[in-house]
């Protein structure tokens, strides 16, 4: 398995366990992520830890990697299924989404929603 795909899979598994520290260990210190909850961007590992801690206090999620393909620019375009509930288990959202990841030094450095072709 491509190391980048394995890294994203490990990141999703940490999310599913609500393991913020495990997620943070997989991202570059200067990581720049799209804020999928409130829009905007979250930049830096420490800011991501605060963000993920807040988000996981509001929702629970199950992310399942469906596919991953390398893009010409070296990024990885990932499709995944998600099921998001509130902490009591009431369904909030489910479906499939596609995200684009970039990597530096074997860590996730950026995450974006890809621009449609």
C-alpha atoms as a PDB file:
ATOM      1  CA  UNK A   1       0.000   0.000   0.000  1.00  0.00           C
ATOM      2  CA  UNK A   2       1.241   3.499  -0.830  1.00  0.00           C
ATOM      3  CA  UNK A   3       2.669   5.058   2.339  1.00  0.00           C
ATOM      4  CA  UNK A   4       0.533   8.161   1.873  1.00  0.00           C
ATOM      5  CA  UNK A   5      -2.638   6.079   1.673  1.00  0.00           C
ATOM      6  CA  UNK A   6      -1.613   4.165   4.788  1.00  0.00           C
ATOM      7  CA  UNK A   7      -1.008   7.478   6.588  1.00  0.00           C
ATOM      8  CA  UNK A   8      -4.479   8.788   5.693  1.00  0.00           C
ATOM      9  CA  UNK A   9      -6.053   5.467   6.722  1.00  0.00           C
ATOM     10  CA  UNK A  10      -4.243   5.689  10.074  1.00  0.00           C
ATOM     11  CA  UNK A  11      -5.454   9.300  10.452  1.00  0.00           C
ATOM     12  CA  UNK A  12      -9.080   8.201   9.856  1.00  0.00           C
ATOM     13  CA  UNK A  13      -8.706   5.352  12.342  1.00  0.00           C
ATOM     14  CA  UNK A  14      -7.447   7.818  14.974  1.00  0.00           C
ATOM     15  CA  UNK A  15     -10.440  10.083  14.212  1.00  0.00           C
ATOM     16  CA  UNK A  16     -12.811   7.126  14.635  1.00  0.00           C
ATOM     17  CA  UNK A  17     -11.236   6.427  18.070  1.00  0.00           C
ATOM     18  CA  UNK A  18     -11.509  10.156  18.943  1.00  0.00           C
ATOM     19  CA  UNK A  19      -7.737  10.062  19.452  1.00  0.00           C
ATOM     20  CA  UNK A  20      -6.757  13.698  18.911  1.00  0.00           C
ATOM     21  CA  UNK A  21      -3.141  13.095  19.914  1.00  0.00           C
ATOM     22  CA  UNK A  22      -2.964  10.180  17.462  1.00  0.00           C
ATOM     23  CA  UNK A  23      -4.305  12.434  14.698  1.00  0.00           C
ATOM     24  CA  UNK A  24      -1.844  15.193  15.613  1.00  0.00           C
ATOM     25  CA  UNK A  25       1.108  12.796  15.439  1.00  0.00           C
ATOM     26  CA  UNK A  26       0.334  12.239  11.739  1.00  0.00           C
ATOM     27  CA  UNK A  27       0.330  15.898  10.674  1.00  0.00           C
ATOM     28  CA  UNK A  28       3.196  18.264   9.959  1.00  0.00           C
ATOM     29  CA  UNK A  29       3.763  20.964  12.633  1.00  0.00           C
ATOM     30  CA  UNK A  30       2.744  23.638  10.081  1.00  0.00           C
ATOM     31  CA  UNK A  31      -0.187  21.634   8.664  1.00  0.00           C
ATOM     32  CA  UNK A  32      -2.922  23.634   6.929  1.00  0.00           C
ATOM     33  CA  UNK A  33      -6.366  22.005   6.901  1.00  0.00           C
ATOM     34  CA  UNK A  34      -9.699  23.089   5.501  1.00  0.00           C
ATOM     35  CA  UNK A  35     -12.140  23.509   8.380  1.00  0.00           C
ATOM     36  CA  UNK A  36     -14.901  21.130   7.301  1.00  0.00           C
ATOM     37  CA  UNK A  37     -17.028  22.007  10.317  1.00  0.00           C
ATOM     38  CA  UNK A  38     -17.032  25.824  10.318  1.00  0.00           C
ATOM     39  CA  UNK A  39     -15.389  26.621   6.941  1.00  0.00           C
ATOM     40  CA  UNK A  40     -12.156  28.573   6.741  1.00  0.00           C
ATOM     41  CA  UNK A  41      -8.720  27.109   7.519  1.00  0.00           C
ATOM     42  CA  UNK A  42      -6.960  25.745  10.594  1.00  0.00           C
ATOM     43  CA  UNK A  43      -3.178  26.159  10.481  1.00  0.00           C
ATOM     44  CA  UNK A  44      -0.594  24.493  12.715  1.00  0.00           C
ATOM     45  CA  UNK A  45      -0.601  21.279  14.711  1.00  0.00           C
ATOM     46  CA  UNK A  46      -1.491  23.010  17.979  1.00  0.00           C
ATOM     47  CA  UNK A  47      -4.439  24.839  16.393  1.00  0.00           C
ATOM     48  CA  UNK A  48      -5.602  21.546  14.873  1.00  0.00           C
ATOM     49  CA  UNK A  49      -5.497  19.866  18.300  1.00  0.00           C
ATOM     50  CA  UNK A  50      -7.733  22.606  19.730  1.00  0.00           C
ATOM     51  CA  UNK A  51     -10.049  22.410  16.714  1.00  0.00           C
ATOM     52  CA  UNK A  52     -10.355  18.609  16.714  1.00  0.00           C
ATOM     53  CA  UNK A  53     -10.914  18.535  20.483  1.00  0.00           C
ATOM     54  CA  UNK A  54     -13.796  20.999  20.084  1.00  0.00           C
ATOM     55  CA  UNK A  55     -15.305  19.208  17.072  1.00  0.00           C
ATOM     56  CA  UNK A  56     -15.092  15.764  18.681  1.00  0.00           C
ATOM     57  CA  UNK A  57     -16.863  17.200  21.722  1.00  0.00           C
ATOM     58  CA  UNK A  58     -19.798  18.016  19.447  1.00  0.00           C
ATOM     59  CA  UNK A  59     -19.924  15.038  17.071  1.00  0.00           C
ATOM     60  CA  UNK A  60     -18.863  11.423  16.723  1.00  0.00           C
ATOM     61  CA  UNK A  61     -17.734  10.056  13.405  1.00  0.00           C
ATOM     62  CA  UNK A  62     -16.951   6.914  11.513  1.00  0.00           C
ATOM     63  CA  UNK A  63     -14.762   7.482   8.458  1.00  0.00           C
ATOM     64  CA  UNK A  64     -14.081   4.634   6.016  1.00  0.00           C
ATOM     65  CA  UNK A  65     -11.521   5.030   3.253  1.00  0.00           C
ATOM     66  CA  UNK A  66     -13.043   4.038  -0.103  1.00  0.00           C
ATOM     67  CA  UNK A  67     -10.309   4.925  -2.601  1.00  0.00           C
ATOM     68  CA  UNK A  68      -7.135   6.930  -3.003  1.00  0.00           C
ATOM     69  CA  UNK A  69      -5.387   8.033  -6.170  1.00  0.00           C
ATOM     70  CA  UNK A  70      -2.197   9.952  -6.697  1.00  0.00           C
ATOM     71  CA  UNK A  71      -2.598  13.255  -8.537  1.00  0.00           C
ATOM     72  CA  UNK A  72      -0.019  14.602 -10.978  1.00  0.00           C
ATOM     73  CA  UNK A  73       1.081  17.216  -8.437  1.00  0.00           C
ATOM     74  CA  UNK A  74       2.020  14.515  -5.895  1.00  0.00           C
ATOM     75  CA  UNK A  75      -1.040  14.986  -3.711  1.00  0.00           C
ATOM     76  CA  UNK A  76      -3.429  12.167  -2.844  1.00  0.00           C
ATOM     77  CA  UNK A  77      -7.135  12.439  -3.687  1.00  0.00           C
ATOM     78  CA  UNK A  78      -9.126  10.352  -1.221  1.00  0.00           C
ATOM     79  CA  UNK A  79     -12.764   9.309  -1.260  1.00  0.00           C
ATOM     80  CA  UNK A  80     -14.299   8.146   1.993  1.00  0.00           C
ATOM     81  CA  UNK A  81     -17.653   7.303   3.510  1.00  0.00           C
ATOM     82  CA  UNK A  82     -18.679   9.060   6.682  1.00  0.00           C
ATOM     83  CA  UNK A  83     -21.364   8.724   9.283  1.00  0.00           C
ATOM     84  CA  UNK A  84     -21.529  11.596  11.745  1.00  0.00           C
ATOM     85  CA  UNK A  85     -23.720  11.575  14.853  1.00  0.00           C
ATOM     86  CA  UNK A  86     -24.152  13.782  17.875  1.00  0.00           C
ATOM     87  CA  UNK A  87     -22.613  12.454  21.130  1.00  0.00           C
ATOM     88  CA  UNK A  88     -25.910  10.699  21.961  1.00  0.00           C
ATOM     89  CA  UNK A  89     -25.831   8.797  18.654  1.00  0.00           C
ATOM     90  CA  UNK A  90     -28.446  10.742  16.656  1.00  0.00           C
ATOM     91  CA  UNK A  91     -27.515  10.801  12.962  1.00  0.00           C
ATOM     92  CA  UNK A  92     -26.336  14.193  11.755  1.00  0.00           C
ATOM     93  CA  UNK A  93     -24.869  13.353   8.324  1.00  0.00           C
ATOM     94  CA  UNK A  94     -23.795  10.388   6.250  1.00  0.00           C
ATOM     95  CA  UNK A  95     -22.513  10.037   2.740  1.00  0.00           C
ATOM     96  CA  UNK A  96     -19.343  10.067   0.707  1.00  0.00           C
ATOM     97  CA  UNK A  97     -16.842  12.871   0.278  1.00  0.00           C
ATOM     98  CA  UNK A  98     -13.575  13.493  -1.531  1.00  0.00           C
ATOM     99  CA  UNK A  99     -10.596  15.321  -0.030  1.00  0.00           C
ATOM    100  CA  UNK A 100      -7.116  16.156  -1.295  1.00  0.00           C
ATOM    101  CA  UNK A 101      -4.048  15.660   0.912  1.00  0.00           C
ATOM    102  CA  UNK A 102      -0.487  16.934   0.564  1.00  0.00           C
ATOM    103  CA  UNK A 103       2.522  15.574   2.425  1.00  0.00           C
ATOM    104  CA  UNK A 104       5.885  16.813   3.757  1.00  0.00           C
ATOM    105  CA  UNK A 105       8.503  14.655   5.484  1.00  0.00           C
ATOM    106  CA  UNK A 106       6.151  11.657   5.662  1.00  0.00           C
ATOM    107  CA  UNK A 107       3.394  13.641   7.414  1.00  0.00           C
ATOM    108  CA  UNK A 108       0.114  15.147   6.230  1.00  0.00           C
ATOM    109  CA  UNK A 109       0.790  18.829   5.514  1.00  0.00           C
ATOM    110  CA  UNK A 110      -2.431  20.041   3.881  1.00  0.00           C
ATOM    111  CA  UNK A 111      -6.047  18.951   3.402  1.00  0.00           C
ATOM    112  CA  UNK A 112      -8.520  20.552   1.006  1.00  0.00           C
ATOM    113  CA  UNK A 113     -11.782  19.832  -0.692  1.00  0.00           C
ATOM    114  CA  UNK A 114     -10.695  19.330  -4.294  1.00  0.00           C
ATOM    115  CA  UNK A 115     -11.852  21.704  -6.988  1.00  0.00           C
ATOM    116  CA  UNK A 116     -14.129  19.882  -9.452  1.00  0.00           C
ATOM    117  CA  UNK A 117     -12.480  19.310 -12.868  1.00  0.00           C
END
